[in-house]
PDB file of all heavy atoms in Angstrom:
ATOM      1  N   GLU A   1      17.553 -55.608 102.782  1.00  0.00           N
ATOM      2  CA  GLU A   1      18.378 -54.495 102.293  1.00  0.00           C
ATOM      3  C   GLU A   1      17.745 -53.968 101.004  1.00  0.00           C
ATOM      4  O   GLU A   1      17.775 -54.624  99.964  1.00  0.00           O
ATOM      5  CB  GLU A   1      19.805 -54.968 102.021  1.00  0.00           C
ATOM      6  CG  GLU A   1      20.787 -53.841 101.766  1.00  0.00           C
ATOM      7  CD  GLU A   1      20.979 -52.950 102.980  1.00  0.00           C
ATOM      8  OE1 GLU A   1      21.320 -53.466 104.052  1.00  0.00           O
ATOM      9  OE2 GLU A   1      20.767 -51.725 102.831  1.00  0.00           O
ATOM     10  N   ALA A   2      17.119 -52.791 101.107  1.00  0.00           N
ATOM     11  CA  ALA A   2      16.304 -52.282 100.012  1.00  0.00           C
ATOM     12  C   ALA A   2      16.926 -51.047  99.369  1.00  0.00           C
ATOM     13  O   ALA A   2      17.529 -50.206 100.042  1.00  0.00           O
ATOM     14  CB  ALA A   2      14.900 -51.948 100.506  1.00  0.00           C
ATOM     15  N   ILE A   3      16.761 -50.943  98.081  1.00  0.00           N
ATOM     16  CA  ILE A   3      17.112 -49.745  97.319  1.00  0.00           C
ATOM     17  C   ILE A   3      15.814 -49.040  96.976  1.00  0.00           C
ATOM     18  O   ILE A   3      14.951 -49.616  96.301  1.00  0.00           O
ATOM     19  CB  ILE A   3      17.876 -50.096  96.025  1.00  0.00           C
ATOM     20  CG1 ILE A   3      19.173 -50.834  96.358  1.00  0.00           C
ATOM     21  CG2 ILE A   3      18.167 -48.839  95.216  1.00  0.00           C
ATOM     22  CD1 ILE A   3      19.912 -51.350  95.129  1.00  0.00           C
ATOM     23  N   ARG A   4      15.639 -47.821  97.464  1.00  0.00           N
ATOM     24  CA  ARG A   4      14.415 -47.078  97.208  1.00  0.00           C
ATOM     25  C   ARG A   4      14.268 -46.782  95.722  1.00  0.00           C
ATOM     26  O   ARG A   4      15.226 -46.398  95.038  1.00  0.00           O
ATOM     27  CB  ARG A   4      14.404 -45.777  97.985  1.00  0.00           C
ATOM     28  CG  ARG A   4      14.257 -45.930  99.487  1.00  0.00           C
ATOM     29  CD  ARG A   4      14.278 -44.576 100.162  1.00  0.00           C
ATOM     30  NE  ARG A   4      13.223 -43.716  99.632  1.00  0.00           N
ATOM     31  CZ  ARG A   4      13.171 -42.400  99.852  1.00  0.00           C
ATOM     32  NH1 ARG A   4      14.128 -41.805 100.545  1.00  0.00           N
ATOM     33  NH2 ARG A   4      12.185 -41.688  99.361  1.00  0.00           N
ATOM     34  N   LEU A   5      13.066 -46.934  95.220  1.00  0.00           N
ATOM     35  CA  LEU A   5      12.803 -46.694  93.804  1.00  0.00           C
ATOM     36  C   LEU A   5      13.139 -45.261  93.405  1.00  0.00           C
ATOM     37  O   LEU A   5      13.779 -45.026  92.372  1.00  0.00           O
ATOM     38  CB  LEU A   5      11.332 -46.998  93.495  1.00  0.00           C
ATOM     39  CG  LEU A   5      10.871 -46.705  92.058  1.00  0.00           C
ATOM     40  CD1 LEU A   5      11.650 -47.540  91.063  1.00  0.00           C
ATOM     41  CD2 LEU A   5       9.371 -46.950  91.928  1.00  0.00           C
ATOM     42  N   ALA A   6      12.703 -44.285  94.207  1.00  0.00           N
ATOM     43  CA  ALA A   6      12.961 -42.883  93.867  1.00  0.00           C
ATOM     44  C   ALA A   6      14.458 -42.605  93.783  1.00  0.00           C
ATOM     45  O   ALA A   6      14.922 -41.893  92.885  1.00  0.00           O
ATOM     46  CB  ALA A   6      12.306 -41.964  94.893  1.00  0.00           C
ATOM     47  N   ASN A   7      15.229 -43.162  94.718  1.00  0.00           N
ATOM     48  CA  ASN A   7      16.678 -42.960  94.681  1.00  0.00           C
ATOM     49  C   ASN A   7      17.302 -43.612  93.449  1.00  0.00           C
ATOM     50  O   ASN A   7      18.213 -43.063  92.825  1.00  0.00           O
ATOM     51  CB  ASN A   7      17.319 -43.537  95.947  1.00  0.00           C
ATOM     52  CG  ASN A   7      17.087 -42.651  97.157  1.00  0.00           C
ATOM     53  OD1 ASN A   7      16.525 -41.558  97.040  1.00  0.00           O
ATOM     54  ND2 ASN A   7      17.495 -43.121  98.319  1.00  0.00           N
ATOM     55  N   TRP A   8      16.812 -44.805  93.121  1.00  0.00           N
ATOM     56  CA  TRP A   8      17.391 -45.516  91.977  1.00  0.00           C
ATOM     57  C   TRP A   8      17.101 -44.774  90.668  1.00  0.00           C
ATOM     58  O   TRP A   8      17.970 -44.667  89.795  1.00  0.00           O
ATOM     59  CB  TRP A   8      16.846 -46.940  91.920  1.00  0.00           C
ATOM     60  CG  TRP A   8      17.495 -47.777  90.865  1.00  0.00           C
ATOM     61  CD1 TRP A   8      16.960 -48.146  89.673  1.00  0.00           C
ATOM     62  CD2 TRP A   8      18.820 -48.316  90.895  1.00  0.00           C
ATOM     63  NE1 TRP A   8      17.848 -48.895  88.942  1.00  0.00           N
ATOM     64  CE2 TRP A   8      19.011 -49.007  89.684  1.00  0.00           C
ATOM     65  CE3 TRP A   8      19.850 -48.277  91.833  1.00  0.00           C
ATOM     66  CZ2 TRP A   8      20.198 -49.661  89.381  1.00  0.00           C
ATOM     67  CZ3 TRP A   8      21.028 -48.938  91.535  1.00  0.00           C
ATOM     68  CH2 TRP A   8      21.200 -49.613  90.327  1.00  0.00           C
ATOM     69  N   ILE A   9      15.890 -44.253  90.546  1.00  0.00           N
ATOM     70  CA  ILE A   9      15.540 -43.482  89.348  1.00  0.00           C
ATOM     71  C   ILE A   9      16.426 -42.245  89.239  1.00  0.00           C
ATOM     72  O   ILE A   9      16.956 -41.922  88.165  1.00  0.00           O
ATOM     73  CB  ILE A   9      14.046 -43.088  89.380  1.00  0.00           C
ATOM     74  CG1 ILE A   9      13.174 -44.331  89.200  1.00  0.00           C
ATOM     75  CG2 ILE A   9      13.726 -42.070  88.290  1.00  0.00           C
ATOM     76  CD1 ILE A   9      11.690 -44.060  89.391  1.00  0.00           C
ATOM     77  N   ALA A  10      16.588 -41.530  90.356  1.00  0.00           N
ATOM     78  CA  ALA A  10      17.398 -40.318  90.336  1.00  0.00           C
ATOM     79  C   ALA A  10      18.863 -40.614  90.047  1.00  0.00           C
ATOM     80  O   ALA A  10      19.555 -39.818  89.407  1.00  0.00           O
ATOM     81  CB  ALA A  10      17.264 -39.587  91.674  1.00  0.00           C
ATOM     82  N   ALA A  11      19.347 -41.767  90.509  1.00  0.00           N
ATOM     83  CA  ALA A  11      20.760 -42.102  90.324  1.00  0.00           C
ATOM     84  C   ALA A  11      21.054 -42.681  88.947  1.00  0.00           C
ATOM     85  O   ALA A  11      22.224 -42.831  88.582  1.00  0.00           O
ATOM     86  CB  ALA A  11      21.191 -43.103  91.401  1.00  0.00           C
ATOM     87  N   ASN A  12      19.995 -43.000  88.187  1.00  0.00           N
ATOM     88  CA  ASN A  12      20.200 -43.620  86.879  1.00  0.00           C
ATOM     89  C   ASN A  12      19.404 -42.902  85.791  1.00  0.00           C
ATOM     90  O   ASN A  12      18.498 -43.469  85.177  1.00  0.00           O
ATOM     91  CB  ASN A  12      19.797 -45.095  86.922  1.00  0.00           C
ATOM     92  CG  ASN A  12      20.728 -45.932  87.766  1.00  0.00           C
ATOM     93  OD1 ASN A  12      21.771 -46.383  87.310  1.00  0.00           O
ATOM     94  ND2 ASN A  12      20.340 -46.125  89.024  1.00  0.00           N
ATOM     95  N   PRO A  13      19.719 -41.635  85.539  1.00  0.00           N
ATOM     96  CA  PRO A  13      19.013 -40.932  84.460  1.00  0.00           C
ATOM     97  C   PRO A  13      19.394 -41.518  83.107  1.00  0.00           C
ATOM     98  O   PRO A  13      20.460 -42.127  82.952  1.00  0.00           O
ATOM     99  CB  PRO A  13      19.520 -39.491  84.595  1.00  0.00           C
ATOM    100  CG  PRO A  13      20.887 -39.639  85.202  1.00  0.00           C
ATOM    101  CD  PRO A  13      20.777 -40.803  86.151  1.00  0.00           C
ATOM    102  N   ARG A  14      18.500 -41.340  82.158  1.00  0.00           N
ATOM    103  CA  ARG A  14      18.783 -41.847  80.815  1.00  0.00           C
ATOM    104  C   ARG A  14      19.859 -40.983  80.193  1.00  0.00           C
ATOM    105  O   ARG A  14      19.694 -39.779  80.031  1.00  0.00           O
ATOM    106  CB  ARG A  14      17.521 -41.818  79.965  1.00  0.00           C
ATOM    107  CG  ARG A  14      17.713 -42.432  78.582  1.00  0.00           C
ATOM    108  CD  ARG A  14      16.377 -42.734  77.949  1.00  0.00           C
ATOM    109  NE  ARG A  14      16.533 -43.429  76.689  1.00  0.00           N
ATOM    110  CZ  ARG A  14      15.566 -44.078  76.067  1.00  0.00           C
ATOM    111  NH1 ARG A  14      14.368 -44.102  76.597  1.00  0.00           N
ATOM    112  NH2 ARG A  14      15.780 -44.687  74.918  1.00  0.00           N
ATOM    113  N   ARG A  15      20.965 -41.621  79.847  1.00  0.00           N
ATOM    114  CA  ARG A  15      22.097 -40.879  79.299  1.00  0.00           C
ATOM    115  C   ARG A  15      22.205 -41.102  77.797  1.00  0.00           C
ATOM    116  O   ARG A  15      21.654 -42.038  77.255  1.00  0.00           O
ATOM    117  CB  ARG A  15      23.397 -41.296  79.983  1.00  0.00           C
ATOM    118  CG  ARG A  15      23.452 -40.906  81.449  1.00  0.00           C
ATOM    119  CD  ARG A  15      24.764 -41.312  82.077  1.00  0.00           C
ATOM    120  NE  ARG A  15      24.897 -40.793  83.429  1.00  0.00           N
ATOM    121  CZ  ARG A  15      24.427 -41.384  84.509  1.00  0.00           C
ATOM    122  NH1 ARG A  15      23.774 -42.516  84.389  1.00  0.00           N
ATOM    123  NH2 ARG A  15      24.594 -40.843  85.704  1.00  0.00           N
ATOM    124  N   GLY A  16      22.940 -40.226  77.175  1.00  0.00           N
ATOM    125  CA  GLY A  16      23.154 -40.346  75.736  1.00  0.00           C
ATOM    126  C   GLY A  16      23.883 -39.118  75.237  1.00  0.00           C
ATOM    127  O   GLY A  16      23.875 -38.061  75.869  1.00  0.00           O
ATOM    128  N   GLY A  17      24.504 -39.246  74.123  1.00  0.00           N
ATOM    129  CA  GLY A  17      25.208 -38.112  73.545  1.00  0.00           C
ATOM    130  C   GLY A  17      25.128 -38.170  72.044  1.00  0.00           C
ATOM    131  O   GLY A  17      24.716 -39.180  71.468  1.00  0.00           O
ATOM    132  N   GLY A  18      25.496 -37.104  71.425  1.00  0.00           N
ATOM    133  CA  GLY A  18      25.505 -37.095  69.971  1.00  0.00           C
ATOM    134  C   GLY A  18      24.287 -36.418  69.404  1.00  0.00           C
ATOM    135  O   GLY A  18      23.877 -35.334  69.840  1.00  0.00           O
ATOM    136  N   THR A  19      23.668 -37.038  68.431  1.00  0.00           N
ATOM    137  CA  THR A  19      22.575 -36.445  67.684  1.00  0.00           C
ATOM    138  C   THR A  19      21.312 -36.330  68.530  1.00  0.00           C
ATOM    139  O   THR A  19      20.931 -37.258  69.243  1.00  0.00           O
ATOM    140  CB  THR A  19      22.272 -37.298  66.436  1.00  0.00           C
ATOM    141  OG1 THR A  19      23.466 -37.442  65.681  1.00  0.00           O
ATOM    142  CG2 THR A  19      21.209 -36.637  65.585  1.00  0.00           C
ATOM    143  N   ASN A  20      20.664 -35.164  68.417  1.00  0.00           N
ATOM    144  CA  ASN A  20      19.442 -34.929  69.180  1.00  0.00           C
ATOM    145  C   ASN A  20      18.223 -35.493  68.453  1.00  0.00           C
ATOM    146  O   ASN A  20      18.002 -35.204  67.267  1.00  0.00           O
ATOM    147  CB  ASN A  20      19.220 -33.425  69.387  1.00  0.00           C
ATOM    148  CG  ASN A  20      20.246 -32.811  70.313  1.00  0.00           C
ATOM    149  OD1 ASN A  20      20.831 -33.488  71.149  1.00  0.00           O
ATOM    150  ND2 ASN A  20      20.471 -31.514  70.171  1.00  0.00           N
ATOM    151  N   ILE A  21      17.451 -36.273  69.170  1.00  0.00           N
ATOM    152  CA  ILE A  21      16.127 -36.683  68.707  1.00  0.00           C
ATOM    153  C   ILE A  21      15.128 -36.218  69.754  1.00  0.00           C
ATOM    154  O   ILE A  21      15.257 -36.553  70.934  1.00  0.00           O
ATOM    155  CB  ILE A  21      16.036 -38.204  68.499  1.00  0.00           C
ATOM    156  CG1 ILE A  21      16.884 -38.616  67.295  1.00  0.00           C
ATOM    157  CG2 ILE A  21      14.589 -38.646  68.302  1.00  0.00           C
ATOM    158  CD1 ILE A  21      16.840 -40.098  66.968  1.00  0.00           C
ATOM    159  N   GLY A  22      14.168 -35.433  69.333  1.00  0.00           N
ATOM    160  CA  GLY A  22      13.180 -34.901  70.258  1.00  0.00           C
ATOM    161  C   GLY A  22      12.025 -35.857  70.457  1.00  0.00           C
ATOM    162  O   GLY A  22      11.643 -36.591  69.550  1.00  0.00           O
ATOM    163  N   VAL A  23      11.472 -35.849  71.668  1.00  0.00           N
ATOM    164  CA  VAL A  23      10.268 -36.625  71.979  1.00  0.00           C
ATOM    165  C   VAL A  23       9.267 -35.679  72.634  1.00  0.00           C
ATOM    166  O   VAL A  23       9.555 -35.082  73.666  1.00  0.00           O
ATOM    167  CB  VAL A  23      10.558 -37.809  72.927  1.00  0.00           C
ATOM    168  CG1 VAL A  23       9.261 -38.554  73.241  1.00  0.00           C
ATOM    169  CG2 VAL A  23      11.572 -38.752  72.325  1.00  0.00           C
ATOM    170  N   VAL A  24       8.122 -35.509  72.010  1.00  0.00           N
ATOM    171  CA  VAL A  24       7.064 -34.671  72.573  1.00  0.00           C
ATOM    172  C   VAL A  24       5.852 -35.555  72.818  1.00  0.00           C
ATOM    173  O   VAL A  24       5.510 -36.407  71.998  1.00  0.00           O
ATOM    174  CB  VAL A  24       6.708 -33.492  71.638  1.00  0.00           C
ATOM    175  CG1 VAL A  24       6.167 -33.972  70.302  1.00  0.00           C
ATOM    176  CG2 VAL A  24       5.727 -32.542  72.317  1.00  0.00           C
ATOM    177  N   THR A  25       5.225 -35.375  73.971  1.00  0.00           N
ATOM    178  CA  THR A  25       4.100 -36.220  74.371  1.00  0.00           C
ATOM    179  C   THR A  25       2.785 -35.466  74.246  1.00  0.00           C
ATOM    180  O   THR A  25       2.653 -34.345  74.751  1.00  0.00           O
ATOM    181  CB  THR A  25       4.270 -36.695  75.819  1.00  0.00           C
ATOM    182  OG1 THR A  25       5.482 -37.445  75.931  1.00  0.00           O
ATOM    183  CG2 THR A  25       3.102 -37.577  76.246  1.00  0.00           C
ATOM    184  N   VAL A  26       1.836 -36.094  73.570  1.00  0.00           N
ATOM    185  CA  VAL A  26       0.455 -35.617  73.551  1.00  0.00           C
ATOM    186  C   VAL A  26      -0.307 -36.572  74.458  1.00  0.00           C
ATOM    187  O   VAL A  26      -0.758 -37.632  74.037  1.00  0.00           O
ATOM    188  CB  VAL A  26      -0.129 -35.609  72.127  1.00  0.00           C
ATOM    189  CG1 VAL A  26      -1.578 -35.137  72.144  1.00  0.00           C
ATOM    190  CG2 VAL A  26       0.707 -34.725  71.217  1.00  0.00           C
ATOM    191  N   GLY A  27      -0.386 -36.220  75.733  1.00  0.00           N
ATOM    192  CA  GLY A  27      -0.951 -37.119  76.731  1.00  0.00           C
ATOM    193  C   GLY A  27      -2.195 -36.547  77.375  1.00  0.00           C
ATOM    194  O   GLY A  27      -2.237 -35.383  77.758  1.00  0.00           O
ATOM    195  N   GLY A  28      -3.229 -37.356  77.487  1.00  0.00           N
ATOM    196  CA  GLY A  28      -4.467 -36.930  78.118  1.00  0.00           C
ATOM    197  C   GLY A  28      -5.413 -36.270  77.128  1.00  0.00           C
ATOM    198  O   GLY A  28      -5.147 -36.208  75.929  1.00  0.00           O
ATOM    199  N   PRO A  29      -6.533 -35.756  77.614  1.00  0.00           N
ATOM    200  CA  PRO A  29      -7.502 -35.097  76.737  1.00  0.00           C
ATOM    201  C   PRO A  29      -6.870 -33.907  76.013  1.00  0.00           C
ATOM    202  O   PRO A  29      -6.068 -33.171  76.589  1.00  0.00           O
ATOM    203  CB  PRO A  29      -8.603 -34.637  77.696  1.00  0.00           C
ATOM    204  CG  PRO A  29      -8.448 -35.490  78.914  1.00  0.00           C
ATOM    205  CD  PRO A  29      -6.989 -35.792  79.015  1.00  0.00           C
TER     206      PRO A  29
END
């Protein structure tokens, strides 16, 4: 009995409320 990874990721987004902290990625060349 398997839970698909893609489904689990979609069903469990990172939640939070209140103060905004931004995250910007400088990834790759």
